[in-house]
């Protein structure tokens, strides 16, 4: 059974007198599962400056759901322009603030948790941890992903047994991120933090998926990671086995390792969410022979 949290997890009573509100979208304490991921949402009124809780996780990023503005992260103090569907790769920082533009700012901030999240960080970031051998994609057995298929995967092995440090802070406009379309149906995908986004992420993968009316995903499961979904808009069904649960904008859901799942948009409106893998999967199993999700570059 999946774990599902309804929309009241977002607190609209936090800082409303200052022109902005915030609340948790996903936290391991909410589900009771050992998921090394925290996700928060910030709604900032037009032209308002908000001082956010700075991420302490070894890997962190901000995704602009809607609106525009400017982010300032330190140390060292760096300023970044934000637009709709842009991604700001952060890593740990001591201070983080945003100033919303004329259209306000709807912002998601996600970070990894666990070892290293609360360690002091020097100029180059936290001390990297040793990494094991790399993963493999799977279509029922271990092997190389078939042509046109792309799944977020953990990074491979490294010389000396130590991974590279995460990349410095960097903002990616939506047009700079990998944009893919499904070759199985009409879904649309924007990679936020994957192996195709050059930030050196090892602990986290994320993308934004949009289901048009009637779209479905192929049934599958991940052998060794949790799969978290934060719903941005619309309404759709999450299937796990024979059961189904309706998710709506603002909800979040968690599917555990080995739990087969897929989505369906059974409505007449678009349904979209950000999905996270924490940690990235090393193996994905498609449960229906001959049916899998495959992707190609948009345009």
C-alpha atoms as a PDB file:
ATOM      1  CA  UNK A   1       0.000   0.000   0.000  1.00  0.00           C
ATOM      2  CA  UNK A   2       1.296   3.466  -0.834  1.00  0.00           C
ATOM      3  CA  UNK A   3       1.513   6.195   1.782  1.00  0.00           C
ATOM      4  CA  UNK A   4      -0.489   9.296   0.808  1.00  0.00           C
ATOM      5  CA  UNK A   5      -0.605  12.718   2.441  1.00  0.00           C
ATOM      6  CA  UNK A   6      -3.453  15.063   1.526  1.00  0.00           C
ATOM      7  CA  UNK A   7      -3.185  18.775   0.912  1.00  0.00           C
ATOM      8  CA  UNK A   8      -3.562  19.956   4.512  1.00  0.00           C
ATOM      9  CA  UNK A   9       0.143  19.171   5.073  1.00  0.00           C
ATOM     10  CA  UNK A  10       0.822  22.616   3.564  1.00  0.00           C
ATOM     11  CA  UNK A  11       0.496  25.289   6.225  1.00  0.00           C
ATOM     12  CA  UNK A  12      -0.941  28.573   4.989  1.00  0.00           C
ATOM     13  CA  UNK A  13      -0.494  30.037   8.481  1.00  0.00           C
ATOM     14  CA  UNK A  14       3.295  30.440   8.288  1.00  0.00           C
ATOM     15  CA  UNK A  15       4.426  34.044   7.633  1.00  0.00           C
ATOM     16  CA  UNK A  16       1.201  35.250   5.915  1.00  0.00           C
ATOM     17  CA  UNK A  17       1.647  38.680   7.507  1.00  0.00           C
ATOM     18  CA  UNK A  18       4.992  38.940   5.684  1.00  0.00           C
ATOM     19  CA  UNK A  19       3.555  38.112   2.257  1.00  0.00           C
ATOM     20  CA  UNK A  20       4.673  34.508   1.989  1.00  0.00           C
ATOM     21  CA  UNK A  21       3.687  31.067   3.223  1.00  0.00           C
ATOM     22  CA  UNK A  22       5.505  27.778   3.511  1.00  0.00           C
ATOM     23  CA  UNK A  23       4.947  24.208   4.556  1.00  0.00           C
ATOM     24  CA  UNK A  24       6.322  20.671   4.178  1.00  0.00           C
ATOM     25  CA  UNK A  25       5.395  18.743   1.057  1.00  0.00           C
ATOM     26  CA  UNK A  26       7.260  15.587   2.022  1.00  0.00           C
ATOM     27  CA  UNK A  27       9.295  14.634   5.080  1.00  0.00           C
ATOM     28  CA  UNK A  28      10.400  11.209   6.285  1.00  0.00           C
ATOM     29  CA  UNK A  29       8.699  11.793   9.648  1.00  0.00           C
ATOM     30  CA  UNK A  30       5.370  12.237   7.859  1.00  0.00           C
ATOM     31  CA  UNK A  31       5.459   8.755   6.347  1.00  0.00           C
ATOM     32  CA  UNK A  32       7.403   6.879   9.001  1.00  0.00           C
ATOM     33  CA  UNK A  33       9.608   5.415   6.259  1.00  0.00           C
ATOM     34  CA  UNK A  34      13.407   5.908   6.097  1.00  0.00           C
ATOM     35  CA  UNK A  35      13.366   8.114   2.995  1.00  0.00           C
ATOM     36  CA  UNK A  36      16.414  10.441   2.844  1.00  0.00           C
ATOM     37  CA  UNK A  37      14.425  13.356   1.387  1.00  0.00           C
ATOM     38  CA  UNK A  38      12.762  16.573   2.528  1.00  0.00           C
ATOM     39  CA  UNK A  39      10.577  18.684   0.216  1.00  0.00           C
ATOM     40  CA  UNK A  40       9.150  22.111   1.076  1.00  0.00           C
ATOM     41  CA  UNK A  41       6.931  24.518  -0.822  1.00  0.00           C
ATOM     42  CA  UNK A  42       7.066  28.308  -0.673  1.00  0.00           C
ATOM     43  CA  UNK A  43       4.411  30.695  -1.997  1.00  0.00           C
ATOM     44  CA  UNK A  44       5.732  34.254  -2.168  1.00  0.00           C
ATOM     45  CA  UNK A  45       3.584  37.248  -3.091  1.00  0.00           C
ATOM     46  CA  UNK A  46       4.623  39.624  -5.863  1.00  0.00           C
ATOM     47  CA  UNK A  47       7.667  41.784  -5.036  1.00  0.00           C
ATOM     48  CA  UNK A  48       8.048  40.225  -1.570  1.00  0.00           C
ATOM     49  CA  UNK A  49      11.407  39.038  -0.207  1.00  0.00           C
ATOM     50  CA  UNK A  50      11.336  35.838   1.854  1.00  0.00           C
ATOM     51  CA  UNK A  51      14.168  34.406   3.912  1.00  0.00           C
ATOM     52  CA  UNK A  52      13.896  30.644   3.515  1.00  0.00           C
ATOM     53  CA  UNK A  53      15.164  27.780   5.634  1.00  0.00           C
ATOM     54  CA  UNK A  54      18.531  27.033   3.984  1.00  0.00           C
ATOM     55  CA  UNK A  55      19.037  23.448   2.824  1.00  0.00           C
ATOM     56  CA  UNK A  56      21.668  21.499   4.762  1.00  0.00           C
ATOM     57  CA  UNK A  57      21.512  18.328   2.731  1.00  0.00           C
ATOM     58  CA  UNK A  58      24.497  17.153   0.744  1.00  0.00           C
ATOM     59  CA  UNK A  59      22.404  17.626  -2.404  1.00  0.00           C
ATOM     60  CA  UNK A  60      19.615  20.183  -2.806  1.00  0.00           C
ATOM     61  CA  UNK A  61      17.787  22.062  -5.525  1.00  0.00           C
ATOM     62  CA  UNK A  62      14.923  24.507  -6.049  1.00  0.00           C
ATOM     63  CA  UNK A  63      12.312  24.138  -8.795  1.00  0.00           C
ATOM     64  CA  UNK A  64      10.100  27.038  -9.867  1.00  0.00           C
ATOM     65  CA  UNK A  65       6.552  25.745 -10.235  1.00  0.00           C
ATOM     66  CA  UNK A  66       5.280  29.123 -11.405  1.00  0.00           C
ATOM     67  CA  UNK A  67       6.252  32.770 -11.394  1.00  0.00           C
ATOM     68  CA  UNK A  68       9.642  34.421 -11.397  1.00  0.00           C
ATOM     69  CA  UNK A  69      12.105  36.132  -9.126  1.00  0.00           C
ATOM     70  CA  UNK A  70      15.649  36.135  -7.790  1.00  0.00           C
ATOM     71  CA  UNK A  71      17.391  33.801  -5.337  1.00  0.00           C
ATOM     72  CA  UNK A  72      20.404  34.683  -3.187  1.00  0.00           C
ATOM     73  CA  UNK A  73      22.408  31.842  -1.634  1.00  0.00           C
ATOM     74  CA  UNK A  74      25.499  32.081   0.551  1.00  0.00           C
ATOM     75  CA  UNK A  75      28.302  31.622   1.376  1.00  0.00           C
ATOM     76  CA  UNK A  76      29.643  32.861  -0.901  1.00  0.00           C
ATOM     77  CA  UNK A  77      26.802  35.234  -1.781  1.00  0.00           C
ATOM     78  CA  UNK A  78      25.503  34.391  -5.260  1.00  0.00           C
ATOM     79  CA  UNK A  79      22.453  35.766  -7.087  1.00  0.00           C
ATOM     80  CA  UNK A  80      20.368  33.750  -9.558  1.00  0.00           C
ATOM     81  CA  UNK A  81      17.483  34.747 -11.830  1.00  0.00           C
ATOM     82  CA  UNK A  82      14.502  32.377 -11.581  1.00  0.00           C
ATOM     83  CA  UNK A  83      11.790  31.733 -14.163  1.00  0.00           C
ATOM     84  CA  UNK A  84       8.945  29.243 -14.490  1.00  0.00           C
ATOM     85  CA  UNK A  85      10.257  25.654 -14.576  1.00  0.00           C
ATOM     86  CA  UNK A  86      13.841  26.723 -13.946  1.00  0.00           C
ATOM     87  CA  UNK A  87      16.013  24.665 -11.582  1.00  0.00           C
ATOM     88  CA  UNK A  88      18.553  26.082  -9.141  1.00  0.00           C
ATOM     89  CA  UNK A  89      21.104  23.478  -8.057  1.00  0.00           C
ATOM     90  CA  UNK A  90      22.056  24.484  -4.514  1.00  0.00           C
ATOM     91  CA  UNK A  91      23.810  21.946  -2.356  1.00  0.00           C
ATOM     92  CA  UNK A  92      24.174  22.971   1.293  1.00  0.00           C
ATOM     93  CA  UNK A  93      24.169  26.663   2.160  1.00  0.00           C
ATOM     94  CA  UNK A  94      23.966  28.823   5.276  1.00  0.00           C
ATOM     95  CA  UNK A  95      21.518  31.404   3.950  1.00  0.00           C
ATOM     96  CA  UNK A  96      18.880  31.340   1.221  1.00  0.00           C
ATOM     97  CA  UNK A  97      16.405  34.065   0.313  1.00  0.00           C
ATOM     98  CA  UNK A  98      14.176  34.804  -2.659  1.00  0.00           C
ATOM     99  CA  UNK A  99      12.556  37.939  -4.021  1.00  0.00           C
ATOM    100  CA  UNK A 100       9.440  37.314  -6.073  1.00  0.00           C
ATOM    101  CA  UNK A 101       8.823  39.127  -9.332  1.00  0.00           C
ATOM    102  CA  UNK A 102       5.656  40.868 -10.474  1.00  0.00           C
ATOM    103  CA  UNK A 103       3.896  37.511 -10.935  1.00  0.00           C
ATOM    104  CA  UNK A 104       4.826  36.080  -7.516  1.00  0.00           C
ATOM    105  CA  UNK A 105       6.764  32.871  -6.943  1.00  0.00           C
ATOM    106  CA  UNK A 106       5.687  29.281  -6.310  1.00  0.00           C
ATOM    107  CA  UNK A 107       8.834  27.387  -5.323  1.00  0.00           C
ATOM    108  CA  UNK A 108       9.681  23.800  -4.392  1.00  0.00           C
ATOM    109  CA  UNK A 109      12.915  23.130  -2.466  1.00  0.00           C
ATOM    110  CA  UNK A 110      14.127  19.533  -2.089  1.00  0.00           C
ATOM    111  CA  UNK A 111      17.160  18.214  -0.229  1.00  0.00           C
ATOM    112  CA  UNK A 112      18.690  14.919   0.757  1.00  0.00           C
ATOM    113  CA  UNK A 113      18.951  13.961   4.399  1.00  0.00           C
ATOM    114  CA  UNK A 114      20.940  11.498   6.446  1.00  0.00           C
ATOM    115  CA  UNK A 115      24.724  11.331   6.958  1.00  0.00           C
ATOM    116  CA  UNK A 116      26.391  14.577   5.969  1.00  0.00           C
ATOM    117  CA  UNK A 117      23.255  16.734   6.130  1.00  0.00           C
ATOM    118  CA  UNK A 118      24.239  18.424   9.400  1.00  0.00           C
ATOM    119  CA  UNK A 119      28.011  18.362   9.014  1.00  0.00           C
ATOM    120  CA  UNK A 120      29.873  21.681   8.767  1.00  0.00           C
ATOM    121  CA  UNK A 121      30.694  22.536   5.174  1.00  0.00           C
ATOM    122  CA  UNK A 122      33.806  24.191   3.868  1.00  0.00           C
ATOM    123  CA  UNK A 123      34.090  26.224   0.669  1.00  0.00           C
ATOM    124  CA  UNK A 124      34.045  23.056  -1.452  1.00  0.00           C
ATOM    125  CA  UNK A 125      30.935  21.640   0.258  1.00  0.00           C
ATOM    126  CA  UNK A 126      30.532  18.568   2.465  1.00  0.00           C
ATOM    127  CA  UNK A 127      33.021  15.763   2.600  1.00  0.00           C
ATOM    128  CA  UNK A 128      31.994  13.218  -0.047  1.00  0.00           C
ATOM    129  CA  UNK A 129      31.206   9.697   1.048  1.00  0.00           C
ATOM    130  CA  UNK A 130      32.500   6.528  -0.510  1.00  0.00           C
ATOM    131  CA  UNK A 131      30.306   5.139  -3.238  1.00  0.00           C
ATOM    132  CA  UNK A 132      29.874   1.523  -4.217  1.00  0.00           C
ATOM    133  CA  UNK A 133      29.682   0.038  -7.665  1.00  0.00           C
ATOM    134  CA  UNK A 134      27.332   1.509 -10.233  1.00  0.00           C
ATOM    135  CA  UNK A 135      23.770   0.452 -11.066  1.00  0.00           C
ATOM    136  CA  UNK A 136      22.181  -1.074 -14.102  1.00  0.00           C
ATOM    137  CA  UNK A 137      18.844  -0.458 -15.750  1.00  0.00           C
ATOM    138  CA  UNK A 138      16.545  -3.399 -16.185  1.00  0.00           C
ATOM    139  CA  UNK A 139      13.597  -4.553 -18.196  1.00  0.00           C
ATOM    140  CA  UNK A 140      12.940  -7.609 -16.046  1.00  0.00           C
ATOM    141  CA  UNK A 141      16.591  -8.666 -15.942  1.00  0.00           C
ATOM    142  CA  UNK A 142      19.734  -6.663 -15.373  1.00  0.00           C
ATOM    143  CA  UNK A 143      21.172  -5.117 -18.500  1.00  0.00           C
ATOM    144  CA  UNK A 144      21.515  -2.010 -20.603  1.00  0.00           C
ATOM    145  CA  UNK A 145      18.445   0.199 -21.110  1.00  0.00           C
ATOM    146  CA  UNK A 146      16.924  -0.381 -24.557  1.00  0.00           C
ATOM    147  CA  UNK A 147      17.140   2.336 -27.215  1.00  0.00           C
ATOM    148  CA  UNK A 148      14.958   5.341 -26.456  1.00  0.00           C
ATOM    149  CA  UNK A 149      14.517   4.386 -22.812  1.00  0.00           C
ATOM    150  CA  UNK A 150      15.758   6.597 -20.028  1.00  0.00           C
ATOM    151  CA  UNK A 151      15.469   6.010 -16.323  1.00  0.00           C
ATOM    152  CA  UNK A 152      17.095   7.996 -13.519  1.00  0.00           C
ATOM    153  CA  UNK A 153      19.998   5.944 -12.217  1.00  0.00           C
ATOM    154  CA  UNK A 154      22.633   6.296  -9.567  1.00  0.00           C
ATOM    155  CA  UNK A 155      26.102   7.198 -10.767  1.00  0.00           C
ATOM    156  CA  UNK A 156      28.696   4.525 -11.394  1.00  0.00           C
ATOM    157  CA  UNK A 157      31.928   3.607  -9.635  1.00  0.00           C
ATOM    158  CA  UNK A 158      34.820   6.037  -9.269  1.00  0.00           C
ATOM    159  CA  UNK A 159      38.578   5.711  -9.283  1.00  0.00           C
ATOM    160  CA  UNK A 160      39.895   5.461  -5.769  1.00  0.00           C
ATOM    161  CA  UNK A 161      36.425   4.582  -4.443  1.00  0.00           C
ATOM    162  CA  UNK A 162      35.472   8.253  -3.933  1.00  0.00           C
ATOM    163  CA  UNK A 163      32.872  10.118  -6.023  1.00  0.00           C
ATOM    164  CA  UNK A 164      33.389  13.594  -7.443  1.00  0.00           C
ATOM    165  CA  UNK A 165      32.117  16.548  -5.456  1.00  0.00           C
ATOM    166  CA  UNK A 166      28.718  17.925  -6.474  1.00  0.00           C
ATOM    167  CA  UNK A 167      28.825  20.808  -8.934  1.00  0.00           C
ATOM    168  CA  UNK A 168      28.836  24.423  -7.733  1.00  0.00           C
ATOM    169  CA  UNK A 169      25.530  26.265  -7.556  1.00  0.00           C
ATOM    170  CA  UNK A 170      24.000  26.772 -10.967  1.00  0.00           C
ATOM    171  CA  UNK A 171      20.654  27.809 -12.401  1.00  0.00           C
ATOM    172  CA  UNK A 172      19.148  26.092 -15.446  1.00  0.00           C
ATOM    173  CA  UNK A 173      16.395  27.785 -17.428  1.00  0.00           C
ATOM    174  CA  UNK A 174      13.594  25.460 -18.554  1.00  0.00           C
ATOM    175  CA  UNK A 175      14.983  25.629 -22.106  1.00  0.00           C
ATOM    176  CA  UNK A 176      18.358  24.311 -20.838  1.00  0.00           C
ATOM    177  CA  UNK A 177      16.899  21.202 -19.184  1.00  0.00           C
ATOM    178  CA  UNK A 178      16.333  17.909 -21.039  1.00  0.00           C
ATOM    179  CA  UNK A 179      12.759  17.925 -22.377  1.00  0.00           C
ATOM    180  CA  UNK A 180      11.376  14.541 -23.414  1.00  0.00           C
ATOM    181  CA  UNK A 181       8.133  13.103 -24.732  1.00  0.00           C
ATOM    182  CA  UNK A 182       6.806   9.588 -24.314  1.00  0.00           C
ATOM    183  CA  UNK A 183       6.948   7.285 -27.318  1.00  0.00           C
ATOM    184  CA  UNK A 184       4.293   5.100 -25.648  1.00  0.00           C
ATOM    185  CA  UNK A 185       1.608   7.782 -25.118  1.00  0.00           C
ATOM    186  CA  UNK A 186       1.545  11.617 -24.988  1.00  0.00           C
ATOM    187  CA  UNK A 187       3.229  12.300 -21.638  1.00  0.00           C
ATOM    188  CA  UNK A 188       5.704  15.159 -21.313  1.00  0.00           C
ATOM    189  CA  UNK A 189       8.818  15.071 -19.104  1.00  0.00           C
ATOM    190  CA  UNK A 190      11.292  17.682 -17.939  1.00  0.00           C
ATOM    191  CA  UNK A 191      14.426  16.357 -16.237  1.00  0.00           C
ATOM    192  CA  UNK A 192      15.204  18.349 -13.092  1.00  0.00           C
ATOM    193  CA  UNK A 193      18.027  16.344 -11.501  1.00  0.00           C
ATOM    194  CA  UNK A 194      19.101  13.324 -13.543  1.00  0.00           C
ATOM    195  CA  UNK A 195      22.308  12.020 -15.102  1.00  0.00           C
ATOM    196  CA  UNK A 196      21.477  14.267 -18.079  1.00  0.00           C
ATOM    197  CA  UNK A 197      21.647  17.435 -15.941  1.00  0.00           C
ATOM    198  CA  UNK A 198      25.336  18.230 -15.271  1.00  0.00           C
ATOM    199  CA  UNK A 199      25.360  18.744 -11.507  1.00  0.00           C
ATOM    200  CA  UNK A 200      27.023  15.508 -10.357  1.00  0.00           C
ATOM    201  CA  UNK A 201      24.057  14.363  -8.259  1.00  0.00           C
ATOM    202  CA  UNK A 202      24.519  10.933  -6.669  1.00  0.00           C
ATOM    203  CA  UNK A 203      21.892  10.760  -3.927  1.00  0.00           C
ATOM    204  CA  UNK A 204      18.803  12.101  -5.656  1.00  0.00           C
ATOM    205  CA  UNK A 205      16.922  12.033  -8.961  1.00  0.00           C
ATOM    206  CA  UNK A 206      13.877  14.115  -9.923  1.00  0.00           C
ATOM    207  CA  UNK A 207      11.794  15.043 -12.941  1.00  0.00           C
ATOM    208  CA  UNK A 208       8.496  16.733 -13.752  1.00  0.00           C
ATOM    209  CA  UNK A 209       5.932  14.583 -15.532  1.00  0.00           C
ATOM    210  CA  UNK A 210       2.754  15.815 -17.234  1.00  0.00           C
ATOM    211  CA  UNK A 211      -0.034  13.381 -18.134  1.00  0.00           C
ATOM    212  CA  UNK A 212      -2.508  14.544 -20.762  1.00  0.00           C
ATOM    213  CA  UNK A 213      -6.087  13.202 -20.529  1.00  0.00           C
ATOM    214  CA  UNK A 214      -6.068   9.446 -21.079  1.00  0.00           C
ATOM    215  CA  UNK A 215      -2.321   8.963 -20.554  1.00  0.00           C
ATOM    216  CA  UNK A 216      -1.078   6.032 -18.485  1.00  0.00           C
ATOM    217  CA  UNK A 217       2.305   4.681 -17.409  1.00  0.00           C
ATOM    218  CA  UNK A 218       3.573   1.125 -17.713  1.00  0.00           C
ATOM    219  CA  UNK A 219       3.424  -0.894 -14.493  1.00  0.00           C
ATOM    220  CA  UNK A 220       6.826  -1.270 -12.829  1.00  0.00           C
ATOM    221  CA  UNK A 221       8.701  -1.253  -9.544  1.00  0.00           C
ATOM    222  CA  UNK A 222      12.120  -0.292  -8.254  1.00  0.00           C
ATOM    223  CA  UNK A 223      14.019  -2.882  -6.284  1.00  0.00           C
ATOM    224  CA  UNK A 224      15.943  -0.674  -3.895  1.00  0.00           C
ATOM    225  CA  UNK A 225      14.578   2.845  -3.541  1.00  0.00           C
ATOM    226  CA  UNK A 226      11.579   4.886  -2.476  1.00  0.00           C
ATOM    227  CA  UNK A 227       9.582   6.782  -5.100  1.00  0.00           C
ATOM    228  CA  UNK A 228       7.998  10.067  -3.946  1.00  0.00           C
ATOM    229  CA  UNK A 229       5.392  12.061  -5.889  1.00  0.00           C
ATOM    230  CA  UNK A 230       4.398  15.691  -5.221  1.00  0.00           C
ATOM    231  CA  UNK A 231       1.346  16.652  -7.271  1.00  0.00           C
ATOM    232  CA  UNK A 232       1.516  20.040  -8.991  1.00  0.00           C
ATOM    233  CA  UNK A 233      -1.816  20.210 -10.805  1.00  0.00           C
ATOM    234  CA  UNK A 234      -4.863  18.242 -11.836  1.00  0.00           C
ATOM    235  CA  UNK A 235      -6.051  14.878 -10.602  1.00  0.00           C
ATOM    236  CA  UNK A 236      -5.070  11.300 -11.405  1.00  0.00           C
ATOM    237  CA  UNK A 237      -5.060   7.728 -10.162  1.00  0.00           C
ATOM    238  CA  UNK A 238      -2.085   5.984  -8.569  1.00  0.00           C
ATOM    239  CA  UNK A 239      -2.370   2.210  -8.938  1.00  0.00           C
ATOM    240  CA  UNK A 240      -0.535  -0.203  -6.658  1.00  0.00           C
ATOM    241  CA  UNK A 241      -1.430  -3.782  -7.437  1.00  0.00           C
ATOM    242  CA  UNK A 242      -5.228  -4.012  -7.667  1.00  0.00           C
ATOM    243  CA  UNK A 243      -5.827  -0.886  -5.567  1.00  0.00           C
ATOM    244  CA  UNK A 244      -6.056   2.719  -6.742  1.00  0.00           C
ATOM    245  CA  UNK A 245      -5.842   6.050  -4.930  1.00  0.00           C
ATOM    246  CA  UNK A 246      -6.779   9.458  -6.303  1.00  0.00           C
ATOM    247  CA  UNK A 247      -4.150  12.174  -6.045  1.00  0.00           C
ATOM    248  CA  UNK A 248      -4.896  15.860  -6.473  1.00  0.00           C
ATOM    249  CA  UNK A 249      -2.886  19.077  -6.590  1.00  0.00           C
ATOM    250  CA  UNK A 250      -0.943  19.555  -3.355  1.00  0.00           C
ATOM    251  CA  UNK A 251      -0.967  15.873  -2.377  1.00  0.00           C
ATOM    252  CA  UNK A 252       2.114  13.728  -2.018  1.00  0.00           C
ATOM    253  CA  UNK A 253       2.521   9.960  -2.149  1.00  0.00           C
ATOM    254  CA  UNK A 254       5.235   7.437  -1.397  1.00  0.00           C
ATOM    255  CA  UNK A 255       5.734   4.047  -3.031  1.00  0.00           C
ATOM    256  CA  UNK A 256       8.226   1.687  -1.432  1.00  0.00           C
ATOM    257  CA  UNK A 257      10.898  -0.604  -2.890  1.00  0.00           C
ATOM    258  CA  UNK A 258       9.416  -3.572  -4.726  1.00  0.00           C
ATOM    259  CA  UNK A 259       5.920  -2.063  -4.854  1.00  0.00           C
ATOM    260  CA  UNK A 260       4.499  -2.218  -8.391  1.00  0.00           C
ATOM    261  CA  UNK A 261       2.797   1.025  -9.430  1.00  0.00           C
ATOM    262  CA  UNK A 262       1.606   3.117 -12.349  1.00  0.00           C
ATOM    263  CA  UNK A 263      -0.515   6.227 -13.008  1.00  0.00           C
ATOM    264  CA  UNK A 264      -3.557   7.070 -15.091  1.00  0.00           C
ATOM    265  CA  UNK A 265      -5.051  10.438 -15.947  1.00  0.00           C
ATOM    266  CA  UNK A 266      -8.741   9.591 -16.091  1.00  0.00           C
ATOM    267  CA  UNK A 267      -9.862  13.230 -16.221  1.00  0.00           C
ATOM    268  CA  UNK A 268     -10.303  15.821 -18.948  1.00  0.00           C
ATOM    269  CA  UNK A 269      -7.539  18.082 -17.559  1.00  0.00           C
ATOM    270  CA  UNK A 270      -3.762  17.757 -17.438  1.00  0.00           C
ATOM    271  CA  UNK A 271      -2.257  15.992 -14.418  1.00  0.00           C
ATOM    272  CA  UNK A 272       1.329  16.766 -13.399  1.00  0.00           C
ATOM    273  CA  UNK A 273       3.719  15.999 -10.573  1.00  0.00           C
ATOM    274  CA  UNK A 274       7.366  16.055  -9.598  1.00  0.00           C
ATOM    275  CA  UNK A 275       8.698  12.589  -8.860  1.00  0.00           C
ATOM    276  CA  UNK A 276      11.755  11.848  -6.738  1.00  0.00           C
ATOM    277  CA  UNK A 277      13.883   8.750  -6.343  1.00  0.00           C
ATOM    278  CA  UNK A 278      15.810   8.691  -3.076  1.00  0.00           C
ATOM    279  CA  UNK A 279      18.291   7.184  -3.460  1.00  0.00           C
ATOM    280  CA  UNK A 280      18.295   6.700  -7.258  1.00  0.00           C
ATOM    281  CA  UNK A 281      17.198   3.224  -8.349  1.00  0.00           C
ATOM    282  CA  UNK A 282      19.721   0.649  -9.416  1.00  0.00           C
ATOM    283  CA  UNK A 283      17.106  -1.617 -11.013  1.00  0.00           C
ATOM    284  CA  UNK A 284      13.623  -1.102 -12.477  1.00  0.00           C
ATOM    285  CA  UNK A 285      11.390  -4.075 -13.268  1.00  0.00           C
ATOM    286  CA  UNK A 286       8.567  -3.784 -15.832  1.00  0.00           C
ATOM    287  CA  UNK A 287       5.814  -6.126 -14.720  1.00  0.00           C
ATOM    288  CA  UNK A 288       3.879  -6.512 -17.998  1.00  0.00           C
ATOM    289  CA  UNK A 289       5.774  -8.239 -20.793  1.00  0.00           C
ATOM    290  CA  UNK A 290       6.354  -5.930 -23.746  1.00  0.00           C
ATOM    291  CA  UNK A 291       5.061  -2.814 -21.963  1.00  0.00           C
ATOM    292  CA  UNK A 292       7.522  -0.220 -20.707  1.00  0.00           C
ATOM    293  CA  UNK A 293       7.968   3.536 -20.649  1.00  0.00           C
ATOM    294  CA  UNK A 294      10.213   4.890 -23.408  1.00  0.00           C
ATOM    295  CA  UNK A 295      11.163   8.490 -24.133  1.00  0.00           C
ATOM    296  CA  UNK A 296      12.547  10.608 -26.966  1.00  0.00           C
ATOM    297  CA  UNK A 297      13.741  14.230 -27.124  1.00  0.00           C
ATOM    298  CA  UNK A 298      10.919  16.734 -27.570  1.00  0.00           C
ATOM    299  CA  UNK A 299      10.735  18.686 -30.802  1.00  0.00           C
END
